[in-house]
Amino acid sequence: MYKDYIFRIIVYCVSVYLIVIKNSISVNFCGWIILLAHIYKDTVNQVRWPSWCEFFGIFLSILLIKGGIKLNNYFILVVGGFKLLAHVRQLILKDNRYYY
């Protein structure tokens, strides 16, 4: 489905952006984790994330929100907010739909 390919491109671009941000090791860490997790997921054609990933995703989103505030970078703040909402939503609804 074309939406999945567009989403993958966006995820990879955002994760690379988070990796190259200067002055924030925590944001760089989040970028690397997101990149590696999605490369793995796409490589093995994993359909569903394990339940523990939701909690780790929430932890990463909090790091991104704090990093966005610290760096005064609203893009990182918004990415962290979307990630937080998506993982909390998934914990509640368990429908394997995160963003669309």
PDB file of N, CA and C in Angstrom:
ATOM      1  N   MET A   1       0.841  -1.168   0.000  1.00  0.00           N
ATOM      2  CA  MET A   1       0.000   0.000   0.000  1.00  0.00           C
ATOM      3  C   MET A   1       0.896   1.245   0.000  1.00  0.00           C
ATOM      4  N   TYR A   2       0.557   2.211  -0.811  1.00  0.00           N
ATOM      5  CA  TYR A   2       1.409   3.393  -0.969  1.00  0.00           C
ATOM      6  C   TYR A   2       1.530   4.207   0.314  1.00  0.00           C
ATOM      7  N   LYS A   3       0.503   4.190   1.170  1.00  0.00           N
ATOM      8  CA  LYS A   3       0.581   4.930   2.431  1.00  0.00           C
ATOM      9  C   LYS A   3       1.712   4.393   3.309  1.00  0.00           C
ATOM     10  N   ASP A   4       1.895   3.080   3.290  1.00  0.00           N
ATOM     11  CA  ASP A   4       2.964   2.468   4.086  1.00  0.00           C
ATOM     12  C   ASP A   4       4.336   2.916   3.596  1.00  0.00           C
ATOM     13  N   TYR A   5       4.519   3.003   2.291  1.00  0.00           N
ATOM     14  CA  TYR A   5       5.805   3.434   1.750  1.00  0.00           C
ATOM     15  C   TYR A   5       6.082   4.897   2.075  1.00  0.00           C
ATOM     16  N   ILE A   6       5.064   5.730   1.966  1.00  0.00           N
ATOM     17  CA  ILE A   6       5.225   7.145   2.316  1.00  0.00           C
ATOM     18  C   ILE A   6       5.555   7.281   3.801  1.00  0.00           C
ATOM     19  N   PHE A   7       4.859   6.509   4.644  1.00  0.00           N
ATOM     20  CA  PHE A   7       5.126   6.552   6.078  1.00  0.00           C
ATOM     21  C   PHE A   7       6.559   6.121   6.375  1.00  0.00           C
ATOM     22  N   ARG A   8       7.024   5.064   5.715  1.00  0.00           N
ATOM     23  CA  ARG A   8       8.397   4.597   5.925  1.00  0.00           C
ATOM     24  C   ARG A   8       9.410   5.669   5.551  1.00  0.00           C
ATOM     25  N   ILE A   9       9.195   6.322   4.440  1.00  0.00           N
ATOM     26  CA  ILE A   9      10.106   7.393   4.008  1.00  0.00           C
ATOM     27  C   ILE A   9      10.128   8.503   5.051  1.00  0.00           C
ATOM     28  N   ILE A  10       8.955   8.876   5.545  1.00  0.00           N
ATOM     29  CA  ILE A  10       8.884   9.931   6.558  1.00  0.00           C
ATOM     30  C   ILE A  10       9.612   9.501   7.833  1.00  0.00           C
ATOM     31  N   VAL A  11       9.387   8.262   8.281  1.00  0.00           N
ATOM     32  CA  VAL A  11      10.034   7.768   9.496  1.00  0.00           C
ATOM     33  C   VAL A  11      11.549   7.787   9.338  1.00  0.00           C
ATOM     34  N   TYR A  12      12.048   7.310   8.201  1.00  0.00           N
ATOM     35  CA  TYR A  12      13.494   7.286   7.991  1.00  0.00           C
ATOM     36  C   TYR A  12      14.070   8.697   7.923  1.00  0.00           C
ATOM     37  N   CYS A  13      13.392   9.606   7.261  1.00  0.00           N
ATOM     38  CA  CYS A  13      13.879  10.990   7.180  1.00  0.00           C
ATOM     39  C   CYS A  13      13.888  11.658   8.556  1.00  0.00           C
ATOM     40  N   VAL A  14      12.816  11.466   9.316  1.00  0.00           N
ATOM     41  CA  VAL A  14      12.746  12.064  10.658  1.00  0.00           C
ATOM     42  C   VAL A  14      13.819  11.474  11.563  1.00  0.00           C
ATOM     43  N   SER A  15      14.023  10.158  11.495  1.00  0.00           N
ATOM     44  CA  SER A  15      15.037   9.551  12.358  1.00  0.00           C
ATOM     45  C   SER A  15      16.434  10.043  12.008  1.00  0.00           C
ATOM     46  N   VAL A  16      16.729  10.212  10.728  1.00  0.00           N
ATOM     47  CA  VAL A  16      18.039  10.752  10.330  1.00  0.00           C
ATOM     48  C   VAL A  16      18.174  12.193  10.819  1.00  0.00           C
ATOM     49  N   TYR A  17      17.103  12.968  10.720  1.00  0.00           N
ATOM     50  CA  TYR A  17      17.125  14.336  11.235  1.00  0.00           C
ATOM     51  C   TYR A  17      17.436  14.339  12.733  1.00  0.00           C
ATOM     52  N   LEU A  18      16.800  13.432  13.482  1.00  0.00           N
ATOM     53  CA  LEU A  18      17.038  13.367  14.924  1.00  0.00           C
ATOM     54  C   LEU A  18      18.472  12.946  15.237  1.00  0.00           C
ATOM     55  N   ILE A  19      19.050  12.117  14.390  1.00  0.00           N
ATOM     56  CA  ILE A  19      20.431  11.660  14.590  1.00  0.00           C
ATOM     57  C   ILE A  19      21.422  12.796  14.395  1.00  0.00           C
ATOM     58  N   VAL A  20      21.168  13.682  13.430  1.00  0.00           N
ATOM     59  CA  VAL A  20      22.154  14.724  13.108  1.00  0.00           C
ATOM     60  C   VAL A  20      21.973  16.012  13.912  1.00  0.00           C
ATOM     61  N   ILE A  21      20.942  16.083  14.756  1.00  0.00           N
ATOM     62  CA  ILE A  21      20.754  17.271  15.599  1.00  0.00           C
ATOM     63  C   ILE A  21      21.978  17.426  16.500  1.00  0.00           C
ATOM     64  N   LYS A  22      22.455  18.633  16.615  1.00  0.00           N
ATOM     65  CA  LYS A  22      23.613  18.897  17.466  1.00  0.00           C
ATOM     66  C   LYS A  22      23.157  19.253  18.884  1.00  0.00           C
ATOM     67  N   ASN A  23      24.013  19.000  19.849  1.00  0.00           N
ATOM     68  CA  ASN A  23      23.826  19.392  21.254  1.00  0.00           C
ATOM     69  C   ASN A  23      22.734  18.628  21.995  1.00  0.00           C
ATOM     70  N   SER A  24      22.392  17.423  21.546  1.00  0.00           N
ATOM     71  CA  SER A  24      21.410  16.645  22.301  1.00  0.00           C
ATOM     72  C   SER A  24      21.640  15.152  22.099  1.00  0.00           C
ATOM     73  N   ILE A  25      22.334  14.565  23.027  1.00  0.00           N
ATOM     74  CA  ILE A  25      22.610  13.128  22.954  1.00  0.00           C
ATOM     75  C   ILE A  25      21.313  12.333  23.070  1.00  0.00           C
ATOM     76  N   SER A  26      20.381  12.801  23.897  1.00  0.00           N
ATOM     77  CA  SER A  26      19.132  12.053  24.070  1.00  0.00           C
ATOM     78  C   SER A  26      18.301  12.046  22.786  1.00  0.00           C
ATOM     79  N   VAL A  27      18.266  13.147  22.063  1.00  0.00           N
ATOM     80  CA  VAL A  27      17.543  13.189  20.790  1.00  0.00           C
ATOM     81  C   VAL A  27      18.257  12.319  19.763  1.00  0.00           C
ATOM     82  N   ASN A  28      19.581  12.362  19.740  1.00  0.00           N
ATOM     83  CA  ASN A  28      20.350  11.492  18.838  1.00  0.00           C
ATOM     84  C   ASN A  28      20.074  10.024  19.142  1.00  0.00           C
ATOM     85  N   PHE A  29      20.046   9.672  20.428  1.00  0.00           N
ATOM     86  CA  PHE A  29      19.744   8.309  20.855  1.00  0.00           C
ATOM     87  C   PHE A  29      18.372   7.872  20.333  1.00  0.00           C
ATOM     88  N   CYS A  30      17.375   8.742  20.488  1.00  0.00           N
ATOM     89  CA  CYS A  30      16.021   8.421  19.999  1.00  0.00           C
ATOM     90  C   CYS A  30      16.031   8.195  18.492  1.00  0.00           C
ATOM     91  N   GLY A  31      16.740   9.050  17.769  1.00  0.00           N
ATOM     92  CA  GLY A  31      16.826   8.897  16.317  1.00  0.00           C
ATOM     93  C   GLY A  31      17.423   7.559  15.925  1.00  0.00           C
ATOM     94  N   TRP A  32      18.510   7.161  16.593  1.00  0.00           N
ATOM     95  CA  TRP A  32      19.147   5.875  16.291  1.00  0.00           C
ATOM     96  C   TRP A  32      18.219   4.709  16.607  1.00  0.00           C
ATOM     97  N   ILE A  33      17.557   4.759  17.743  1.00  0.00           N
ATOM     98  CA  ILE A  33      16.653   3.667  18.127  1.00  0.00           C
ATOM     99  C   ILE A  33      15.495   3.560  17.138  1.00  0.00           C
ATOM    100  N   ILE A  34      14.910   4.683  16.782  1.00  0.00           N
ATOM    101  CA  ILE A  34      13.802   4.664  15.818  1.00  0.00           C
ATOM    102  C   ILE A  34      14.273   4.118  14.477  1.00  0.00           C
ATOM    103  N   LEU A  35      15.428   4.576  14.011  1.00  0.00           N
ATOM    104  CA  LEU A  35      15.954   4.111  12.729  1.00  0.00           C
ATOM    105  C   LEU A  35      16.207   2.605  12.749  1.00  0.00           C
ATOM    106  N   LEU A  36      16.926   2.127  13.748  1.00  0.00           N
ATOM    107  CA  LEU A  36      17.258   0.703  13.818  1.00  0.00           C
ATOM    108  C   LEU A  36      16.013  -0.165  13.996  1.00  0.00           C
ATOM    109  N   ALA A  37      15.070   0.285  14.815  1.00  0.00           N
ATOM    110  CA  ALA A  37      13.849  -0.490  15.032  1.00  0.00           C
ATOM    111  C   ALA A  37      13.036  -0.616  13.746  1.00  0.00           C
ATOM    112  N   HIS A  38      12.948   0.473  12.994  1.00  0.00           N
ATOM    113  CA  HIS A  38      12.158   0.430  11.759  1.00  0.00           C
ATOM    114  C   HIS A  38      12.887  -0.319  10.641  1.00  0.00           C
ATOM    115  N   ILE A  39      14.192  -0.239  10.611  1.00  0.00           N
ATOM    116  CA  ILE A  39      14.938  -1.050   9.631  1.00  0.00           C
ATOM    117  C   ILE A  39      14.696  -2.536   9.925  1.00  0.00           C
ATOM    118  N   TYR A  40      14.791  -2.906  11.195  1.00  0.00           N
ATOM    119  CA  TYR A  40      14.545  -4.298  11.570  1.00  0.00           C
ATOM    120  C   TYR A  40      13.119  -4.718  11.202  1.00  0.00           C
ATOM    121  N   LYS A  41      12.147  -3.883  11.586  1.00  0.00           N
ATOM    122  CA  LYS A  41      10.738  -4.199  11.328  1.00  0.00           C
ATOM    123  C   LYS A  41      10.482  -4.386   9.835  1.00  0.00           C
ATOM    124  N   ASP A  42      11.057  -3.517   9.021  1.00  0.00           N
ATOM    125  CA  ASP A  42      10.842  -3.596   7.572  1.00  0.00           C
ATOM    126  C   ASP A  42      11.615  -4.749   6.945  1.00  0.00           C
ATOM    127  N   THR A  43      12.777  -5.060   7.485  1.00  0.00           N
ATOM    128  CA  THR A  43      13.600  -6.143   6.937  1.00  0.00           C
ATOM    129  C   THR A  43      12.952  -7.509   7.152  1.00  0.00           C
ATOM    130  N   VAL A  44      12.410  -7.733   8.338  1.00  0.00           N
ATOM    131  CA  VAL A  44      11.805  -9.033   8.638  1.00  0.00           C
ATOM    132  C   VAL A  44      10.290  -9.050   8.371  1.00  0.00           C
ATOM    133  N   ASN A  45       9.783  -7.964   7.811  1.00  0.00           N
ATOM    134  CA  ASN A  45       8.344  -7.833   7.517  1.00  0.00           C
ATOM    135  C   ASN A  45       7.478  -8.080   8.749  1.00  0.00           C
ATOM    136  N   GLN A  46       7.896  -7.507   9.842  1.00  0.00           N
ATOM    137  CA  GLN A  46       7.152  -7.620  11.096  1.00  0.00           C
ATOM    138  C   GLN A  46       5.875  -6.805  10.977  1.00  0.00           C
ATOM    139  N   VAL A  47       4.752  -7.413  11.303  1.00  0.00           N
ATOM    140  CA  VAL A  47       3.463  -6.752  11.163  1.00  0.00           C
ATOM    141  C   VAL A  47       3.071  -5.987  12.415  1.00  0.00           C
ATOM    142  N   ARG A  48       3.434  -6.533  13.563  1.00  0.00           N
ATOM    143  CA  ARG A  48       2.999  -5.953  14.829  1.00  0.00           C
ATOM    144  C   ARG A  48       4.184  -5.818  15.789  1.00  0.00           C
ATOM    145  N   TRP A  49       4.242  -4.677  16.490  1.00  0.00           N
ATOM    146  CA  TRP A  49       5.266  -4.487  17.499  1.00  0.00           C
ATOM    147  C   TRP A  49       4.892  -5.285  18.740  1.00  0.00           C
ATOM    148  N   PRO A  50       5.876  -5.847  19.459  1.00  0.00           N
ATOM    149  CA  PRO A  50       5.577  -6.496  20.752  1.00  0.00           C
ATOM    150  C   PRO A  50       5.036  -5.459  21.744  1.00  0.00           C
ATOM    151  N   SER A  51       4.284  -5.920  22.719  1.00  0.00           N
ATOM    152  CA  SER A  51       3.649  -5.009  23.686  1.00  0.00           C
ATOM    153  C   SER A  51       4.657  -4.150  24.444  1.00  0.00           C
ATOM    154  N   TRP A  52       5.822  -4.704  24.786  1.00  0.00           N
ATOM    155  CA  TRP A  52       6.810  -3.930  25.543  1.00  0.00           C
ATOM    156  C   TRP A  52       7.314  -2.734  24.744  1.00  0.00           C
ATOM    157  N   CYS A  53       7.218  -2.807  23.431  1.00  0.00           N
ATOM    158  CA  CYS A  53       7.670  -1.685  22.587  1.00  0.00           C
ATOM    159  C   CYS A  53       6.824  -0.434  22.803  1.00  0.00           C
ATOM    160  N   GLU A  54       5.582  -0.623  23.207  1.00  0.00           N
ATOM    161  CA  GLU A  54       4.716   0.542  23.462  1.00  0.00           C
ATOM    162  C   GLU A  54       5.281   1.373  24.613  1.00  0.00           C
ATOM    163  N   PHE A  55       5.711   0.707  25.655  1.00  0.00           N
ATOM    164  CA  PHE A  55       6.275   1.415  26.812  1.00  0.00           C
ATOM    165  C   PHE A  55       7.609   2.075  26.457  1.00  0.00           C
ATOM    166  N   PHE A  56       8.412   1.380  25.669  1.00  0.00           N
ATOM    167  CA  PHE A  56       9.681   1.960  25.233  1.00  0.00           C
ATOM    168  C   PHE A  56       9.429   3.142  24.300  1.00  0.00           C
ATOM    169  N   GLY A  57       8.404   3.036  23.445  1.00  0.00           N
ATOM    170  CA  GLY A  57       8.030   4.151  22.566  1.00  0.00           C
ATOM    171  C   GLY A  57       7.587   5.367  23.355  1.00  0.00           C
ATOM    172  N   ILE A  58       6.855   5.143  24.434  1.00  0.00           N
ATOM    173  CA  ILE A  58       6.435   6.251  25.302  1.00  0.00           C
ATOM    174  C   ILE A  58       7.656   6.892  25.957  1.00  0.00           C
ATOM    175  N   PHE A  59       8.595   6.067  26.413  1.00  0.00           N
ATOM    176  CA  PHE A  59       9.830   6.588  27.003  1.00  0.00           C
ATOM    177  C   PHE A  59      10.589   7.444  25.982  1.00  0.00           C
ATOM    178  N   LEU A  60      10.722   6.950  24.747  1.00  0.00           N
ATOM    179  CA  LEU A  60      11.416   7.727  23.709  1.00  0.00           C
ATOM    180  C   LEU A  60      10.679   9.032  23.410  1.00  0.00           C
ATOM    181  N   SER A  61       9.353   8.979  23.401  1.00  0.00           N
ATOM    182  CA  SER A  61       8.590  10.194  23.110  1.00  0.00           C
ATOM    183  C   SER A  61       8.794  11.246  24.192  1.00  0.00           C
ATOM    184  N   ILE A  62       8.894  10.814  25.443  1.00  0.00           N
ATOM    185  CA  ILE A  62       9.154  11.760  26.532  1.00  0.00           C
ATOM    186  C   ILE A  62      10.542  12.376  26.376  1.00  0.00           C
ATOM    187  N   LEU A  63      11.530  11.553  26.006  1.00  0.00           N
ATOM    188  CA  LEU A  63      12.867  12.097  25.739  1.00  0.00           C
ATOM    189  C   LEU A  63      12.828  13.119  24.607  1.00  0.00           C
ATOM    190  N   LEU A  64      12.058  12.830  23.564  1.00  0.00           N
ATOM    191  CA  LEU A  64      11.961  13.769  22.437  1.00  0.00           C
ATOM    192  C   LEU A  64      11.268  15.070  22.852  1.00  0.00           C
ATOM    193  N   ILE A  65      10.211  14.957  23.624  1.00  0.00           N
ATOM    194  CA  ILE A  65       9.509  16.168  24.080  1.00  0.00           C
ATOM    195  C   ILE A  65      10.438  17.022  24.934  1.00  0.00           C
ATOM    196  N   LYS A  66      11.137  16.392  25.882  1.00  0.00           N
ATOM    197  CA  LYS A  66      12.081  17.144  26.723  1.00  0.00           C
ATOM    198  C   LYS A  66      13.208  17.743  25.888  1.00  0.00           C
ATOM    199  N   GLY A  67      13.721  16.958  24.925  1.00  0.00           N
ATOM    200  CA  GLY A  67      14.777  17.459  24.055  1.00  0.00           C
ATOM    201  C   GLY A  67      14.314  18.608  23.186  1.00  0.00           C
ATOM    202  N   GLY A  68      13.078  18.510  22.682  1.00  0.00           N
ATOM    203  CA  GLY A  68      12.523  19.598  21.873  1.00  0.00           C
ATOM    204  C   GLY A  68      12.375  20.883  22.656  1.00  0.00           C
ATOM    205  N   ILE A  69      11.957  20.749  23.912  1.00  0.00           N
ATOM    206  CA  ILE A  69      11.834  21.933  24.782  1.00  0.00           C
ATOM    207  C   ILE A  69      13.207  22.520  25.062  1.00  0.00           C
ATOM    208  N   LYS A  70      14.169  21.647  25.405  1.00  0.00           N
ATOM    209  CA  LYS A  70      15.521  22.111  25.732  1.00  0.00           C
ATOM    210  C   LYS A  70      16.177  22.824  24.554  1.00  0.00           C
ATOM    211  N   LEU A  71      15.997  22.271  23.350  1.00  0.00           N
ATOM    212  CA  LEU A  71      16.611  22.844  22.154  1.00  0.00           C
ATOM    213  C   LEU A  71      15.771  23.959  21.529  1.00  0.00           C
ATOM    214  N   ASN A  72      14.572  24.160  22.090  1.00  0.00           N
ATOM    215  CA  ASN A  72      13.633  25.120  21.512  1.00  0.00           C
ATOM    216  C   ASN A  72      13.344  24.762  20.050  1.00  0.00           C
ATOM    217  N   ASN A  73      13.172  23.471  19.803  1.00  0.00           N
ATOM    218  CA  ASN A  73      12.919  22.948  18.464  1.00  0.00           C
ATOM    219  C   ASN A  73      11.514  22.364  18.450  1.00  0.00           C
ATOM    220  N   TYR A  74      10.593  23.099  17.842  1.00  0.00           N
ATOM    221  CA  TYR A  74       9.193  22.693  17.860  1.00  0.00           C
ATOM    222  C   TYR A  74       8.931  21.449  17.014  1.00  0.00           C
ATOM    223  N   PHE A  75       9.740  21.211  16.008  1.00  0.00           N
ATOM    224  CA  PHE A  75       9.571  20.012  15.187  1.00  0.00           C
ATOM    225  C   PHE A  75       9.809  18.766  16.042  1.00  0.00           C
ATOM    226  N   ILE A  76      10.871  18.754  16.813  1.00  0.00           N
ATOM    227  CA  ILE A  76      11.159  17.611  17.692  1.00  0.00           C
ATOM    228  C   ILE A  76      10.054  17.470  18.732  1.00  0.00           C
ATOM    229  N   LEU A  77       9.591  18.569  19.254  1.00  0.00           N
ATOM    230  CA  LEU A  77       8.505  18.562  20.232  1.00  0.00           C
ATOM    231  C   LEU A  77       7.238  17.935  19.637  1.00  0.00           C
ATOM    232  N   VAL A  78       6.899  18.313  18.416  1.00  0.00           N
ATOM    233  CA  VAL A  78       5.715  17.767  17.746  1.00  0.00           C
ATOM    234  C   VAL A  78       5.897  16.280  17.441  1.00  0.00           C
ATOM    235  N   VAL A  79       7.083  15.890  16.976  1.00  0.00           N
ATOM    236  CA  VAL A  79       7.353  14.476  16.714  1.00  0.00           C
ATOM    237  C   VAL A  79       7.184  13.673  18.005  1.00  0.00           C
ATOM    238  N   GLY A  80       7.734  14.162  19.095  1.00  0.00           N
ATOM    239  CA  GLY A  80       7.574  13.495  20.386  1.00  0.00           C
ATOM    240  C   GLY A  80       6.120  13.421  20.818  1.00  0.00           C
ATOM    241  N   GLY A  81       5.375  14.492  20.591  1.00  0.00           N
ATOM    242  CA  GLY A  81       3.942  14.500  20.930  1.00  0.00           C
ATOM    243  C   GLY A  81       3.155  13.487  20.121  1.00  0.00           C
ATOM    244  N   PHE A  82       3.412  13.434  18.808  1.00  0.00           N
ATOM    245  CA  PHE A  82       2.723  12.446  17.964  1.00  0.00           C
ATOM    246  C   PHE A  82       3.086  11.028  18.386  1.00  0.00           C
ATOM    247  N   LYS A  83       4.355  10.817  18.681  1.00  0.00           N
ATOM    248  CA  LYS A  83       4.811   9.485  19.105  1.00  0.00           C
ATOM    249  C   LYS A  83       4.146   9.095  20.426  1.00  0.00           C
ATOM    250  N   LEU A  84       4.060  10.027  21.362  1.00  0.00           N
ATOM    251  CA  LEU A  84       3.412   9.762  22.645  1.00  0.00           C
ATOM    252  C   LEU A  84       1.939   9.388  22.440  1.00  0.00           C
ATOM    253  N   LEU A  85       1.234  10.189  21.667  1.00  0.00           N
ATOM    254  CA  LEU A  85      -0.186   9.907  21.418  1.00  0.00           C
ATOM    255  C   LEU A  85      -0.377   8.558  20.727  1.00  0.00           C
ATOM    256  N   ALA A  86       0.484   8.250  19.770  1.00  0.00           N
ATOM    257  CA  ALA A  86       0.350   7.000  19.022  1.00  0.00           C
ATOM    258  C   ALA A  86       0.550   5.784  19.910  1.00  0.00           C
ATOM    259  N   HIS A  87       1.559   5.834  20.774  1.00  0.00           N
ATOM    260  CA  HIS A  87       1.834   4.664  21.614  1.00  0.00           C
ATOM    261  C   HIS A  87       0.830   4.516  22.759  1.00  0.00           C
ATOM    262  N   VAL A  88       0.371   5.606  23.314  1.00  0.00           N
ATOM    263  CA  VAL A  88      -0.674   5.539  24.336  1.00  0.00           C
ATOM    264  C   VAL A  88      -1.965   5.024  23.707  1.00  0.00           C
ATOM    265  N   ARG A  89      -2.290   5.522  22.508  1.00  0.00           N
ATOM    266  CA  ARG A  89      -3.477   5.060  21.789  1.00  0.00           C
ATOM    267  C   ARG A  89      -3.404   3.556  21.544  1.00  0.00           C
ATOM    268  N   GLN A  90      -2.237   3.085  21.132  1.00  0.00           N
ATOM    269  CA  GLN A  90      -2.066   1.660  20.854  1.00  0.00           C
ATOM    270  C   GLN A  90      -2.213   0.820  22.128  1.00  0.00           C
ATOM    271  N   LEU A  91      -1.707   1.311  23.246  1.00  0.00           N
ATOM    272  CA  LEU A  91      -1.877   0.591  24.513  1.00  0.00           C
ATOM    273  C   LEU A  91      -3.353   0.448  24.881  1.00  0.00           C
ATOM    274  N   ILE A  92      -4.123   1.472  24.578  1.00  0.00           N
ATOM    275  CA  ILE A  92      -5.546   1.461  24.939  1.00  0.00           C
ATOM    276  C   ILE A  92      -6.368   0.641  23.936  1.00  0.00           C
ATOM    277  N   LEU A  93      -6.197   0.905  22.650  1.00  0.00           N
ATOM    278  CA  LEU A  93      -7.061   0.300  21.632  1.00  0.00           C
ATOM    279  C   LEU A  93      -6.562  -1.037  21.087  1.00  0.00           C
ATOM    280  N   LYS A  94      -5.249  -1.251  21.107  1.00  0.00           N
ATOM    281  CA  LYS A  94      -4.645  -2.501  20.620  1.00  0.00           C
ATOM    282  C   LYS A  94      -5.124  -2.882  19.211  1.00  0.00           C
ATOM    283  N   ASP A  95      -5.156  -1.909  18.315  1.00  0.00           N
ATOM    284  CA  ASP A  95      -5.629  -2.169  16.953  1.00  0.00           C
ATOM    285  C   ASP A  95      -4.520  -2.136  15.903  1.00  0.00           C
ATOM    286  N   ASN A  96      -3.279  -2.022  16.346  1.00  0.00           N
ATOM    287  CA  ASN A  96      -2.119  -1.986  15.465  1.00  0.00           C
ATOM    288  C   ASN A  96      -2.139  -0.834  14.467  1.00  0.00           C
ATOM    289  N   ARG A  97      -2.823   0.230  14.824  1.00  0.00           N
ATOM    290  CA  ARG A  97      -2.838   1.449  14.008  1.00  0.00           C
ATOM    291  C   ARG A  97      -2.246   2.558  14.860  1.00  0.00           C
ATOM    292  N   TYR A  98      -1.231   3.197  14.312  1.00  0.00           N
ATOM    293  CA  TYR A  98      -0.543   4.223  15.087  1.00  0.00           C
ATOM    294  C   TYR A  98      -0.866   5.630  14.601  1.00  0.00           C
ATOM    295  N   TYR A  99      -0.705   5.882  13.332  1.00  0.00           N
ATOM    296  CA  TYR A  99      -0.833   7.240  12.817  1.00  0.00           C
ATOM    297  C   TYR A  99      -1.908   7.382  11.747  1.00  0.00           C
ATOM    298  N   TYR A 100      -2.238   6.328  11.062  1.00  0.00           N
ATOM    299  CA  TYR A 100      -3.238   6.416   9.989  1.00  0.00           C
ATOM    300  C   TYR A 100      -4.020   5.131   9.887  1.00  0.00           C
TER     301      TYR A 100
END
